[in-house]
Amino acid sequence: MELGAFSISLNVKDIAASQEFYEKLGFEPIGGVAEQGWLILRSGTTTIGLFVGMIGSNTLTFNPGWDAAGQPLESFQDIREIQKHLKSEGVKLDTEADESTSGPASVILTDPDGNPVLLDQHV
């Protein structure tokens, strides 16, 4: 099973302070709108998202259909296939993708320690 590009989505209080902090660690903005409360930062192949009031807690994020640079892949395992596999393994899903659709969709699950895991397909 291929989950796609990985990033960590951080629930931040002050996006400017967080941006400044992570820029000191070598991260550079590659997307988002700070005035809207979200930024995507990258350092090498490591990606973090900064979100003010959009997520309840820090979240592990996977993007089926994207490579590590956030570019669409020619072929990938659709999120609905991933969802079917997870369900067949007995994984409890907090939210599910509509299996009668195609294209962008998301699935949320929670790991045994309470960490949210977002599978977020944009293609």
PDB file of N, CA and C in Angstrom:
ATOM      1  N   MET A   1       0.865  -1.174   0.000  1.00  0.00           N
ATOM      2  CA  MET A   1       0.000   0.000   0.000  1.00  0.00           C
ATOM      3  C   MET A   1       0.909   1.234   0.000  1.00  0.00           C
ATOM      4  N   GLU A   2       0.615   2.168  -0.878  1.00  0.00           N
ATOM      5  CA  GLU A   2       1.394   3.402  -0.979  1.00  0.00           C
ATOM      6  C   GLU A   2       0.519   4.571  -0.547  1.00  0.00           C
ATOM      7  N   LEU A   3       0.892   5.226   0.552  1.00  0.00           N
ATOM      8  CA  LEU A   3       0.084   6.310   1.109  1.00  0.00           C
ATOM      9  C   LEU A   3       0.372   7.673   0.488  1.00  0.00           C
ATOM     10  N   GLY A   4       1.445   7.798  -0.281  1.00  0.00           N
ATOM     11  CA  GLY A   4       1.763   9.070  -0.916  1.00  0.00           C
ATOM     12  C   GLY A   4       2.673   9.939  -0.080  1.00  0.00           C
ATOM     13  N   ALA A   5       2.768  11.194  -0.457  1.00  0.00           N
ATOM     14  CA  ALA A   5       3.664  12.149   0.202  1.00  0.00           C
ATOM     15  C   ALA A   5       3.295  12.293   1.674  1.00  0.00           C
ATOM     16  N   PHE A   6       4.308  12.408   2.524  1.00  0.00           N
ATOM     17  CA  PHE A   6       4.092  12.557   3.959  1.00  0.00           C
ATOM     18  C   PHE A   6       4.440  13.963   4.412  1.00  0.00           C
ATOM     19  N   SER A   7       3.651  14.488   5.334  1.00  0.00           N
ATOM     20  CA  SER A   7       3.967  15.754   6.009  1.00  0.00           C
ATOM     21  C   SER A   7       3.341  15.713   7.393  1.00  0.00           C
ATOM     22  N   ILE A   8       3.756  16.617   8.207  1.00  0.00           N
ATOM     23  CA  ILE A   8       3.122  16.788   9.518  1.00  0.00           C
ATOM     24  C   ILE A   8       2.362  18.102   9.471  1.00  0.00           C
ATOM     25  N   SER A   9       1.126  18.069   9.894  1.00  0.00           N
ATOM     26  CA  SER A   9       0.296  19.269   9.957  1.00  0.00           C
ATOM     27  C   SER A   9       0.263  19.725  11.409  1.00  0.00           C
ATOM     28  N   LEU A  10       0.743  20.930  11.659  1.00  0.00           N
ATOM     29  CA  LEU A  10       0.859  21.435  13.020  1.00  0.00           C
ATOM     30  C   LEU A  10      -0.245  22.437  13.339  1.00  0.00           C
ATOM     31  N   ASN A  11      -0.878  22.239  14.463  1.00  0.00           N
ATOM     32  CA  ASN A  11      -1.879  23.161  14.982  1.00  0.00           C
ATOM     33  C   ASN A  11      -1.112  24.260  15.722  1.00  0.00           C
ATOM     34  N   VAL A  12      -1.009  25.451  15.133  1.00  0.00           N
ATOM     35  CA  VAL A  12      -0.212  26.533  15.724  1.00  0.00           C
ATOM     36  C   VAL A  12      -1.103  27.658  16.227  1.00  0.00           C
ATOM     37  N   LYS A  13      -0.582  28.403  17.196  1.00  0.00           N
ATOM     38  CA  LYS A  13      -1.324  29.530  17.771  1.00  0.00           C
ATOM     39  C   LYS A  13      -1.023  30.833  17.044  1.00  0.00           C
ATOM     40  N   ASP A  14       0.244  31.024  16.656  1.00  0.00           N
ATOM     41  CA  ASP A  14       0.695  32.265  16.015  1.00  0.00           C
ATOM     42  C   ASP A  14       1.480  31.875  14.773  1.00  0.00           C
ATOM     43  N   ILE A  15       0.859  32.017  13.610  1.00  0.00           N
ATOM     44  CA  ILE A  15       1.483  31.536  12.378  1.00  0.00           C
ATOM     45  C   ILE A  15       2.773  32.297  12.058  1.00  0.00           C
ATOM     46  N   ALA A  16       2.812  33.587  12.355  1.00  0.00           N
ATOM     47  CA  ALA A  16       4.034  34.360  12.080  1.00  0.00           C
ATOM     48  C   ALA A  16       5.189  33.871  12.951  1.00  0.00           C
ATOM     49  N   ALA A  17       4.925  33.632  14.221  1.00  0.00           N
ATOM     50  CA  ALA A  17       5.977  33.149  15.127  1.00  0.00           C
ATOM     51  C   ALA A  17       6.434  31.750  14.699  1.00  0.00           C
ATOM     52  N   SER A  18       5.489  30.895  14.307  1.00  0.00           N
ATOM     53  CA  SER A  18       5.845  29.552  13.868  1.00  0.00           C
ATOM     54  C   SER A  18       6.636  29.596  12.572  1.00  0.00           C
ATOM     55  N   GLN A  19       6.218  30.433  11.644  1.00  0.00           N
ATOM     56  CA  GLN A  19       6.940  30.561  10.381  1.00  0.00           C
ATOM     57  C   GLN A  19       8.370  31.018  10.646  1.00  0.00           C
ATOM     58  N   GLU A  20       8.530  32.028  11.475  1.00  0.00           N
ATOM     59  CA  GLU A  20       9.860  32.537  11.797  1.00  0.00           C
ATOM     60  C   GLU A  20      10.726  31.438  12.425  1.00  0.00           C
ATOM     61  N   PHE A  21      10.160  30.682  13.359  1.00  0.00           N
ATOM     62  CA  PHE A  21      10.887  29.598  14.011  1.00  0.00           C
ATOM     63  C   PHE A  21      11.355  28.560  12.994  1.00  0.00           C
ATOM     64  N   TYR A  22      10.438  28.075  12.146  1.00  0.00           N
ATOM     65  CA  TYR A  22      10.796  27.016  11.212  1.00  0.00           C
ATOM     66  C   TYR A  22      11.710  27.508  10.092  1.00  0.00           C
ATOM     67  N   GLU A  23      11.619  28.778   9.738  1.00  0.00           N
ATOM     68  CA  GLU A  23      12.558  29.324   8.767  1.00  0.00           C
ATOM     69  C   GLU A  23      13.976  29.311   9.328  1.00  0.00           C
ATOM     70  N   LYS A  24      14.132  29.508  10.631  1.00  0.00           N
ATOM     71  CA  LYS A  24      15.450  29.428  11.265  1.00  0.00           C
ATOM     72  C   LYS A  24      16.001  28.007  11.207  1.00  0.00           C
ATOM     73  N   LEU A  25      15.118  27.021  11.072  1.00  0.00           N
ATOM     74  CA  LEU A  25      15.541  25.629  10.938  1.00  0.00           C
ATOM     75  C   LEU A  25      15.772  25.241   9.476  1.00  0.00           C
ATOM     76  N   GLY A  26      15.624  26.203   8.564  1.00  0.00           N
ATOM     77  CA  GLY A  26      15.888  25.956   7.151  1.00  0.00           C
ATOM     78  C   GLY A  26      14.670  25.712   6.288  1.00  0.00           C
ATOM     79  N   PHE A  27      13.479  25.857   6.838  1.00  0.00           N
ATOM     80  CA  PHE A  27      12.263  25.673   6.052  1.00  0.00           C
ATOM     81  C   PHE A  27      11.936  26.952   5.286  1.00  0.00           C
ATOM     82  N   GLU A  28      11.363  26.766   4.096  1.00  0.00           N
ATOM     83  CA  GLU A  28      10.939  27.897   3.267  1.00  0.00           C
ATOM     84  C   GLU A  28       9.478  27.704   2.868  1.00  0.00           C
ATOM     85  N   PRO A  29       8.711  28.790   2.809  1.00  0.00           N
ATOM     86  CA  PRO A  29       7.308  28.673   2.377  1.00  0.00           C
ATOM     87  C   PRO A  29       7.221  28.212   0.927  1.00  0.00           C
ATOM     88  N   ILE A  30       6.316  27.274   0.669  1.00  0.00           N
ATOM     89  CA  ILE A  30       6.096  26.818  -0.704  1.00  0.00           C
ATOM     90  C   ILE A  30       4.627  26.904  -1.093  1.00  0.00           C
ATOM     91  N   GLY A  31       3.776  27.287  -0.138  1.00  0.00           N
ATOM     92  CA  GLY A  31       2.351  27.376  -0.439  1.00  0.00           C
ATOM     93  C   GLY A  31       1.584  27.891   0.755  1.00  0.00           C
ATOM     94  N   GLY A  32       0.330  28.180   0.511  1.00  0.00           N
ATOM     95  CA  GLY A  32      -0.531  28.658   1.574  1.00  0.00           C
ATOM     96  C   GLY A  32      -0.649  30.167   1.609  1.00  0.00           C
ATOM     97  N   VAL A  33      -1.484  30.654   2.514  1.00  0.00           N
ATOM     98  CA  VAL A  33      -1.723  32.082   2.678  1.00  0.00           C
ATOM     99  C   VAL A  33      -1.754  32.363   4.179  1.00  0.00           C
ATOM    100  N   ALA A  34      -0.705  32.984   4.677  1.00  0.00           N
ATOM    101  CA  ALA A  34      -0.598  33.234   6.121  1.00  0.00           C
ATOM    102  C   ALA A  34      -1.811  33.995   6.650  1.00  0.00           C
ATOM    103  N   GLU A  35      -2.320  34.942   5.863  1.00  0.00           N
ATOM    104  CA  GLU A  35      -3.477  35.732   6.286  1.00  0.00           C
ATOM    105  C   GLU A  35      -4.741  34.886   6.428  1.00  0.00           C
ATOM    106  N   GLN A  36      -4.776  33.748   5.778  1.00  0.00           N
ATOM    107  CA  GLN A  36      -5.900  32.816   5.902  1.00  0.00           C
ATOM    108  C   GLN A  36      -5.642  31.775   6.992  1.00  0.00           C
ATOM    109  N   GLY A  37      -4.469  31.831   7.608  1.00  0.00           N
ATOM    110  CA  GLY A  37      -4.163  30.928   8.710  1.00  0.00           C
ATOM    111  C   GLY A  37      -3.540  29.609   8.331  1.00  0.00           C
ATOM    112  N   TRP A  38      -2.891  29.547   7.154  1.00  0.00           N
ATOM    113  CA  TRP A  38      -2.215  28.300   6.791  1.00  0.00           C
ATOM    114  C   TRP A  38      -1.034  28.552   5.870  1.00  0.00           C
ATOM    115  N   LEU A  39       0.034  27.793   6.119  1.00  0.00           N
ATOM    116  CA  LEU A  39       1.242  27.840   5.298  1.00  0.00           C
ATOM    117  C   LEU A  39       1.809  26.441   5.165  1.00  0.00           C
ATOM    118  N   ILE A  40       2.411  26.168   4.018  1.00  0.00           N
ATOM    119  CA  ILE A  40       3.137  24.924   3.804  1.00  0.00           C
ATOM    120  C   ILE A  40       4.605  25.312   3.661  1.00  0.00           C
ATOM    121  N   LEU A  41       5.464  24.643   4.447  1.00  0.00           N
ATOM    122  CA  LEU A  41       6.894  24.923   4.446  1.00  0.00           C
ATOM    123  C   LEU A  41       7.651  23.656   4.081  1.00  0.00           C
ATOM    124  N   ARG A  42       8.800  23.820   3.408  1.00  0.00           N
ATOM    125  CA  ARG A  42       9.603  22.657   3.044  1.00  0.00           C
ATOM    126  C   ARG A  42      11.076  22.953   3.282  1.00  0.00           C
ATOM    127  N   SER A  43      11.767  21.894   3.724  1.00  0.00           N
ATOM    128  CA  SER A  43      13.220  21.900   3.835  1.00  0.00           C
ATOM    129  C   SER A  43      13.684  20.581   3.244  1.00  0.00           C
ATOM    130  N   GLY A  44      14.329  20.640   2.087  1.00  0.00           N
ATOM    131  CA  GLY A  44      14.704  19.410   1.394  1.00  0.00           C
ATOM    132  C   GLY A  44      13.458  18.640   1.022  1.00  0.00           C
ATOM    133  N   THR A  45      13.349  17.405   1.500  1.00  0.00           N
ATOM    134  CA  THR A  45      12.170  16.581   1.204  1.00  0.00           C
ATOM    135  C   THR A  45      11.197  16.548   2.380  1.00  0.00           C
ATOM    136  N   THR A  46      11.454  17.371   3.391  1.00  0.00           N
ATOM    137  CA  THR A  46      10.591  17.402   4.573  1.00  0.00           C
ATOM    138  C   THR A  46       9.583  18.537   4.447  1.00  0.00           C
ATOM    139  N   THR A  47       8.307  18.212   4.630  1.00  0.00           N
ATOM    140  CA  THR A  47       7.236  19.193   4.498  1.00  0.00           C
ATOM    141  C   THR A  47       6.451  19.265   5.792  1.00  0.00           C
ATOM    142  N   ILE A  48       6.163  20.510   6.220  1.00  0.00           N
ATOM    143  CA  ILE A  48       5.279  20.734   7.364  1.00  0.00           C
ATOM    144  C   ILE A  48       4.211  21.735   6.955  1.00  0.00           C
ATOM    145  N   GLY A  49       3.032  21.567   7.514  1.00  0.00           N
ATOM    146  CA  GLY A  49       1.955  22.528   7.319  1.00  0.00           C
ATOM    147  C   GLY A  49       1.686  23.217   8.643  1.00  0.00           C
ATOM    148  N   LEU A  50       1.503  24.516   8.593  1.00  0.00           N
ATOM    149  CA  LEU A  50       1.152  25.304   9.778  1.00  0.00           C
ATOM    150  C   LEU A  50      -0.297  25.735   9.620  1.00  0.00           C
ATOM    151  N   PHE A  51      -1.134  25.431  10.622  1.00  0.00           N
ATOM    152  CA  PHE A  51      -2.557  25.715  10.528  1.00  0.00           C
ATOM    153  C   PHE A  51      -3.054  26.348  11.819  1.00  0.00           C
ATOM    154  N   VAL A  52      -3.713  27.497  11.698  1.00  0.00           N
ATOM    155  CA  VAL A  52      -4.299  28.179  12.853  1.00  0.00           C
ATOM    156  C   VAL A  52      -5.799  27.887  12.857  1.00  0.00           C
ATOM    157  N   GLY A  53      -6.273  27.182  13.878  1.00  0.00           N
ATOM    158  CA  GLY A  53      -7.703  26.937  14.043  1.00  0.00           C
ATOM    159  C   GLY A  53      -8.352  26.039  13.015  1.00  0.00           C
ATOM    160  N   MET A  54      -7.577  25.327  12.215  1.00  0.00           N
ATOM    161  CA  MET A  54      -8.155  24.478  11.175  1.00  0.00           C
ATOM    162  C   MET A  54      -8.135  23.002  11.530  1.00  0.00           C
ATOM    163  N   ILE A  55      -7.250  22.619  12.433  1.00  0.00           N
ATOM    164  CA  ILE A  55      -7.156  21.222  12.858  1.00  0.00           C
ATOM    165  C   ILE A  55      -7.144  21.195  14.375  1.00  0.00           C
ATOM    166  N   GLY A  56      -7.662  20.128  14.936  1.00  0.00           N
ATOM    167  CA  GLY A  56      -7.767  20.046  16.389  1.00  0.00           C
ATOM    168  C   GLY A  56      -6.454  19.776  17.086  1.00  0.00           C
ATOM    169  N   SER A  57      -5.562  19.055  16.404  1.00  0.00           N
ATOM    170  CA  SER A  57      -4.271  18.736  16.994  1.00  0.00           C
ATOM    171  C   SER A  57      -3.284  18.410  15.882  1.00  0.00           C
ATOM    172  N   ASN A  58      -2.016  18.317  16.249  1.00  0.00           N
ATOM    173  CA  ASN A  58      -0.997  17.957  15.268  1.00  0.00           C
ATOM    174  C   ASN A  58      -1.405  16.646  14.613  1.00  0.00           C
ATOM    175  N   THR A  59      -1.237  16.566  13.294  1.00  0.00           N
ATOM    176  CA  THR A  59      -1.772  15.458  12.519  1.00  0.00           C
ATOM    177  C   THR A  59      -0.741  14.939  11.527  1.00  0.00           C
ATOM    178  N   LEU A  60      -0.597  13.613  11.477  1.00  0.00           N
ATOM    179  CA  LEU A  60       0.220  12.985  10.442  1.00  0.00           C
ATOM    180  C   LEU A  60      -0.597  13.024   9.157  1.00  0.00           C
ATOM    181  N   THR A  61      -0.011  13.504   8.078  1.00  0.00           N
ATOM    182  CA  THR A  61      -0.751  13.674   6.832  1.00  0.00           C
ATOM    183  C   THR A  61      -0.061  12.934   5.692  1.00  0.00           C
ATOM    184  N   PHE A  62      -0.849  12.192   4.931  1.00  0.00           N
ATOM    185  CA  PHE A  62      -0.366  11.504   3.738  1.00  0.00           C
ATOM    186  C   PHE A  62      -1.227  11.944   2.561  1.00  0.00           C
ATOM    187  N   ASN A  63      -0.598  12.155   1.402  1.00  0.00           N
ATOM    188  CA  ASN A  63      -1.309  12.600   0.215  1.00  0.00           C
ATOM    189  C   ASN A  63      -1.160  11.588  -0.919  1.00  0.00           C
ATOM    190  N   PRO A  64      -2.109  10.626  -1.019  1.00  0.00           N
ATOM    191  CA  PRO A  64      -2.071   9.708  -2.160  1.00  0.00           C
ATOM    192  C   PRO A  64      -2.126  10.501  -3.464  1.00  0.00           C
ATOM    193  N   GLY A  65      -1.300  10.101  -4.422  1.00  0.00           N
ATOM    194  CA  GLY A  65      -1.291  10.764  -5.729  1.00  0.00           C
ATOM    195  C   GLY A  65      -0.269  11.868  -5.861  1.00  0.00           C
ATOM    196  N   TRP A  66       0.443  12.182  -4.784  1.00  0.00           N
ATOM    197  CA  TRP A  66       1.491  13.204  -4.836  1.00  0.00           C
ATOM    198  C   TRP A  66       2.839  12.586  -4.517  1.00  0.00           C
ATOM    199  N   ASP A  67       3.894  13.129  -5.158  1.00  0.00           N
ATOM    200  CA  ASP A  67       5.239  12.749  -4.770  1.00  0.00           C
ATOM    201  C   ASP A  67       5.701  13.661  -3.635  1.00  0.00           C
ATOM    202  N   ALA A  68       6.928  13.492  -3.168  1.00  0.00           N
ATOM    203  CA  ALA A  68       7.431  14.252  -2.018  1.00  0.00           C
ATOM    204  C   ALA A  68       7.479  15.755  -2.274  1.00  0.00           C
ATOM    205  N   ALA A  69       7.487  16.156  -3.544  1.00  0.00           N
ATOM    206  CA  ALA A  69       7.499  17.581  -3.886  1.00  0.00           C
ATOM    207  C   ALA A  69       6.088  18.123  -4.098  1.00  0.00           C
ATOM    208  N   GLY A  70       5.069  17.308  -3.835  1.00  0.00           N
ATOM    209  CA  GLY A  70       3.694  17.759  -4.000  1.00  0.00           C
ATOM    210  C   GLY A  70       3.236  17.799  -5.446  1.00  0.00           C
ATOM    211  N   GLN A  71       3.916  17.035  -6.309  1.00  0.00           N
ATOM    212  CA  GLN A  71       3.547  16.981  -7.721  1.00  0.00           C
ATOM    213  C   GLN A  71       2.727  15.719  -7.981  1.00  0.00           C
ATOM    214  N   PRO A  72       1.731  15.803  -8.848  1.00  0.00           N
ATOM    215  CA  PRO A  72       0.890  14.628  -9.132  1.00  0.00           C
ATOM    216  C   PRO A  72       1.699  13.477  -9.734  1.00  0.00           C
ATOM    217  N   LEU A  73       1.387  12.265  -9.303  1.00  0.00           N
ATOM    218  CA  LEU A  73       1.994  11.059  -9.849  1.00  0.00           C
ATOM    219  C   LEU A  73       1.168  10.562 -11.025  1.00  0.00           C
ATOM    220  N   GLU A  74       1.828   9.930 -12.003  1.00  0.00           N
ATOM    221  CA  GLU A  74       1.102   9.377 -13.142  1.00  0.00           C
ATOM    222  C   GLU A  74       0.187   8.243 -12.721  1.00  0.00           C
ATOM    223  N   SER A  75       0.669   7.407 -11.804  1.00  0.00           N
ATOM    224  CA  SER A  75      -0.181   6.335 -11.298  1.00  0.00           C
ATOM    225  C   SER A  75       0.006   6.251  -9.784  1.00  0.00           C
ATOM    226  N   PHE A  76      -1.077   5.896  -9.103  1.00  0.00           N
ATOM    227  CA  PHE A  76      -1.052   5.808  -7.648  1.00  0.00           C
ATOM    228  C   PHE A  76      -2.251   5.005  -7.192  1.00  0.00           C
ATOM    229  N   GLN A  77      -2.187   4.584  -5.937  1.00  0.00           N
ATOM    230  CA  GLN A  77      -3.307   3.846  -5.351  1.00  0.00           C
ATOM    231  C   GLN A  77      -4.332   4.856  -4.849  1.00  0.00           C
ATOM    232  N   ASP A  78      -5.533   4.778  -5.400  1.00  0.00           N
ATOM    233  CA  ASP A  78      -6.601   5.702  -5.037  1.00  0.00           C
ATOM    234  C   ASP A  78      -6.978   5.534  -3.566  1.00  0.00           C
ATOM    235  N   ILE A  79      -7.359   6.627  -2.956  1.00  0.00           N
ATOM    236  CA  ILE A  79      -7.711   6.625  -1.533  1.00  0.00           C
ATOM    237  C   ILE A  79      -8.827   5.632  -1.214  1.00  0.00           C
ATOM    238  N   ARG A  80      -9.728   5.396  -2.154  1.00  0.00           N
ATOM    239  CA  ARG A  80     -10.811   4.451  -1.911  1.00  0.00           C
ATOM    240  C   ARG A  80     -10.285   3.012  -1.816  1.00  0.00           C
ATOM    241  N   GLU A  81      -9.242   2.709  -2.615  1.00  0.00           N
ATOM    242  CA  GLU A  81      -8.590   1.400  -2.519  1.00  0.00           C
ATOM    243  C   GLU A  81      -7.874   1.272  -1.176  1.00  0.00           C
ATOM    244  N   ILE A  82      -7.198   2.324  -0.763  1.00  0.00           N
ATOM    245  CA  ILE A  82      -6.522   2.323   0.533  1.00  0.00           C
ATOM    246  C   ILE A  82      -7.549   2.128   1.643  1.00  0.00           C
ATOM    247  N   GLN A  83      -8.667   2.838   1.539  1.00  0.00           N
ATOM    248  CA  GLN A  83      -9.734   2.731   2.540  1.00  0.00           C
ATOM    249  C   GLN A  83     -10.247   1.288   2.626  1.00  0.00           C
ATOM    250  N   LYS A  84     -10.502   0.663   1.477  1.00  0.00           N
ATOM    251  CA  LYS A  84     -10.980  -0.725   1.468  1.00  0.00           C
ATOM    252  C   LYS A  84      -9.974  -1.644   2.147  1.00  0.00           C
ATOM    253  N   HIS A  85      -8.696  -1.440   1.866  1.00  0.00           N
ATOM    254  CA  HIS A  85      -7.659  -2.262   2.490  1.00  0.00           C
ATOM    255  C   HIS A  85      -7.654  -2.072   4.006  1.00  0.00           C
ATOM    256  N   LEU A  86      -7.686  -0.818   4.450  1.00  0.00           N
ATOM    257  CA  LEU A  86      -7.678  -0.552   5.888  1.00  0.00           C
ATOM    258  C   LEU A  86      -8.874  -1.206   6.575  1.00  0.00           C
ATOM    259  N   LYS A  87     -10.046  -1.084   5.964  1.00  0.00           N
ATOM    260  CA  LYS A  87     -11.244  -1.689   6.544  1.00  0.00           C
ATOM    261  C   LYS A  87     -11.125  -3.212   6.589  1.00  0.00           C
ATOM    262  N   SER A  88     -10.524  -3.801   5.562  1.00  0.00           N
ATOM    263  CA  SER A  88     -10.352  -5.258   5.552  1.00  0.00           C
ATOM    264  C   SER A  88      -9.378  -5.713   6.628  1.00  0.00           C
ATOM    265  N   GLU A  89      -8.504  -4.816   7.065  1.00  0.00           N
ATOM    266  CA  GLU A  89      -7.559  -5.102   8.138  1.00  0.00           C
ATOM    267  C   GLU A  89      -8.150  -4.808   9.513  1.00  0.00           C
ATOM    268  N   GLY A  90      -9.390  -4.334   9.532  1.00  0.00           N
ATOM    269  CA  GLY A  90     -10.054  -4.052  10.795  1.00  0.00           C
ATOM    270  C   GLY A  90      -9.703  -2.705  11.410  1.00  0.00           C
ATOM    271  N   VAL A  91      -9.133  -1.804  10.599  1.00  0.00           N
ATOM    272  CA  VAL A  91      -8.789  -0.472  11.092  1.00  0.00           C
ATOM    273  C   VAL A  91     -10.067   0.364  11.183  1.00  0.00           C
ATOM    274  N   LYS A  92     -10.295   0.974  12.346  1.00  0.00           N
ATOM    275  CA  LYS A  92     -11.459   1.837  12.543  1.00  0.00           C
ATOM    276  C   LYS A  92     -11.173   3.187  11.884  1.00  0.00           C
ATOM    277  N   LEU A  93     -12.073   3.635  11.039  1.00  0.00           N
ATOM    278  CA  LEU A  93     -11.943   4.921  10.370  1.00  0.00           C
ATOM    279  C   LEU A  93     -12.860   5.937  11.041  1.00  0.00           C
ATOM    280  N   ASP A  94     -12.333   7.125  11.317  1.00  0.00           N
ATOM    281  CA  ASP A  94     -13.135   8.190  11.922  1.00  0.00           C
ATOM    282  C   ASP A  94     -14.019   8.859  10.877  1.00  0.00           C
ATOM    283  N   THR A  95     -13.469   9.050   9.679  1.00  0.00           N
ATOM    284  CA  THR A  95     -14.250   9.530   8.541  1.00  0.00           C
ATOM    285  C   THR A  95     -13.861   8.697   7.334  1.00  0.00           C
ATOM    286  N   GLU A  96     -14.764   8.584   6.382  1.00  0.00           N
ATOM    287  CA  GLU A  96     -14.523   7.763   5.201  1.00  0.00           C
ATOM    288  C   GLU A  96     -14.755   8.552   3.924  1.00  0.00           C
ATOM    289  N   ALA A  97     -14.046   8.135   2.878  1.00  0.00           N
ATOM    290  CA  ALA A  97     -14.287   8.676   1.543  1.00  0.00           C
ATOM    291  C   ALA A  97     -15.522   7.989   0.963  1.00  0.00           C
ATOM    292  N   ASP A  98     -16.291   8.705   0.185  1.00  0.00           N
ATOM    293  CA  ASP A  98     -17.457   8.147  -0.495  1.00  0.00           C
ATOM    294  C   ASP A  98     -16.945   7.249  -1.623  1.00  0.00           C
ATOM    295  N   GLU A  99     -17.179   5.946  -1.506  1.00  0.00           N
ATOM    296  CA  GLU A  99     -16.650   4.993  -2.476  1.00  0.00           C
ATOM    297  C   GLU A  99     -17.346   5.056  -3.832  1.00  0.00           C
ATOM    298  N   SER A 100     -18.428   5.806  -3.940  1.00  0.00           N
ATOM    299  CA  SER A 100     -19.117   5.932  -5.224  1.00  0.00           C
ATOM    300  C   SER A 100     -18.569   7.103  -6.048  1.00  0.00           C
ATOM    301  N   THR A 101     -17.569   7.817  -5.506  1.00  0.00           N
ATOM    302  CA  THR A 101     -16.999   8.965  -6.201  1.00  0.00           C
ATOM    303  C   THR A 101     -15.586   8.651  -6.678  1.00  0.00           C
ATOM    304  N   SER A 102     -14.989   9.606  -7.376  1.00  0.00           N
ATOM    305  CA  SER A 102     -13.589   9.515  -7.788  1.00  0.00           C
ATOM    306  C   SER A 102     -12.958  10.877  -7.568  1.00  0.00           C
ATOM    307  N   GLY A 103     -11.651  10.922  -7.642  1.00  0.00           N
ATOM    308  CA  GLY A 103     -10.942  12.188  -7.472  1.00  0.00           C
ATOM    309  C   GLY A 103     -10.673  12.513  -6.021  1.00  0.00           C
ATOM    310  N   PRO A 104     -10.565  13.808  -5.710  1.00  0.00           N
ATOM    311  CA  PRO A 104     -10.208  14.228  -4.353  1.00  0.00           C
ATOM    312  C   PRO A 104     -11.150  13.682  -3.287  1.00  0.00           C
ATOM    313  N   ALA A 105     -10.555  13.237  -2.183  1.00  0.00           N
ATOM    314  CA  ALA A 105     -11.314  12.720  -1.039  1.00  0.00           C
ATOM    315  C   ALA A 105     -10.354  12.562   0.125  1.00  0.00           C
ATOM    316  N   SER A 106     -10.917  12.342   1.299  1.00  0.00           N
ATOM    317  CA  SER A 106     -10.062  12.158   2.474  1.00  0.00           C
ATOM    318  C   SER A 106     -10.631  11.109   3.412  1.00  0.00           C
ATOM    319  N   VAL A 107      -9.736  10.573   4.221  1.00  0.00           N
ATOM    320  CA  VAL A 107     -10.056   9.594   5.251  1.00  0.00           C
ATOM    321  C   VAL A 107      -9.284  10.018   6.494  1.00  0.00           C
ATOM    322  N   ILE A 108      -9.915   9.905   7.650  1.00  0.00           N
ATOM    323  CA  ILE A 108      -9.226  10.198   8.906  1.00  0.00           C
ATOM    324  C   ILE A 108      -9.339   8.983   9.811  1.00  0.00           C
ATOM    325  N   LEU A 109      -8.222   8.640  10.431  1.00  0.00           N
ATOM    326  CA  LEU A 109      -8.181   7.585  11.428  1.00  0.00           C
ATOM    327  C   LEU A 109      -7.318   8.059  12.589  1.00  0.00           C
ATOM    328  N   THR A 110      -7.341   7.322  13.668  1.00  0.00           N
ATOM    329  CA  THR A 110      -6.576   7.704  14.857  1.00  0.00           C
ATOM    330  C   THR A 110      -5.705   6.530  15.257  1.00  0.00           C
ATOM    331  N   ASP A 111      -4.411   6.805  15.494  1.00  0.00           N
ATOM    332  CA  ASP A 111      -3.511   5.727  15.892  1.00  0.00           C
ATOM    333  C   ASP A 111      -3.757   5.345  17.355  1.00  0.00           C
ATOM    334  N   PRO A 112      -3.146   4.272  17.827  1.00  0.00           N
ATOM    335  CA  PRO A 112      -3.412   3.800  19.192  1.00  0.00           C
ATOM    336  C   PRO A 112      -3.086   4.809  20.296  1.00  0.00           C
ATOM    337  N   ASP A 113      -2.255   5.805  19.980  1.00  0.00           N
ATOM    338  CA  ASP A 113      -1.903   6.811  20.976  1.00  0.00           C
ATOM    339  C   ASP A 113      -2.735   8.079  20.870  1.00  0.00           C
ATOM    340  N   GLY A 114      -3.749   8.063  20.011  1.00  0.00           N
ATOM    341  CA  GLY A 114      -4.640   9.210  19.883  1.00  0.00           C
ATOM    342  C   GLY A 114      -4.213  10.234  18.862  1.00  0.00           C
ATOM    343  N   ASN A 115      -3.177   9.928  18.058  1.00  0.00           N
ATOM    344  CA  ASN A 115      -2.718  10.864  17.035  1.00  0.00           C
ATOM    345  C   ASN A 115      -3.570  10.738  15.777  1.00  0.00           C
ATOM    346  N   PRO A 116      -4.119  11.842  15.293  1.00  0.00           N
ATOM    347  CA  PRO A 116      -4.891  11.784  14.054  1.00  0.00           C
ATOM    348  C   PRO A 116      -3.981  11.504  12.855  1.00  0.00           C
ATOM    349  N   VAL A 117      -4.499  10.697  11.927  1.00  0.00           N
ATOM    350  CA  VAL A 117      -3.816  10.415  10.675  1.00  0.00           C
ATOM    351  C   VAL A 117      -4.788  10.781   9.564  1.00  0.00           C
ATOM    352  N   LEU A 118      -4.375  11.730   8.734  1.00  0.00           N
ATOM    353  CA  LEU A 118      -5.198  12.216   7.613  1.00  0.00           C
ATOM    354  C   LEU A 118      -4.637  11.680   6.308  1.00  0.00           C
ATOM    355  N   LEU A 119      -5.473  10.985   5.557  1.00  0.00           N
ATOM    356  CA  LEU A 119      -5.147  10.580   4.199  1.00  0.00           C
ATOM    357  C   LEU A 119      -5.936  11.528   3.296  1.00  0.00           C
ATOM    358  N   ASP A 120      -5.241  12.413   2.614  1.00  0.00           N
ATOM    359  CA  ASP A 120      -5.885  13.525   1.914  1.00  0.00           C
ATOM    360  C   ASP A 120      -5.455  13.535   0.457  1.00  0.00           C
ATOM    361  N   GLN A 121      -6.310  12.983  -0.409  1.00  0.00           N
ATOM    362  CA  GLN A 121      -6.019  12.905  -1.842  1.00  0.00           C
ATOM    363  C   GLN A 121      -6.547  14.145  -2.535  1.00  0.00           C
ATOM    364  N   HIS A 122      -5.666  14.844  -3.254  1.00  0.00           N
ATOM    365  CA  HIS A 122      -6.038  16.083  -3.936  1.00  0.00           C
ATOM    366  C   HIS A 122      -6.240  15.905  -5.442  1.00  0.00           C
ATOM    367  N   VAL A 123      -5.916  14.724  -5.968  1.00  0.00           N
ATOM    368  CA  VAL A 123      -6.023  14.494  -7.414  1.00  0.00           C
ATOM    369  C   VAL A 123      -7.069  13.456  -7.726  1.00  0.00           C
TER     370      VAL A 123
END
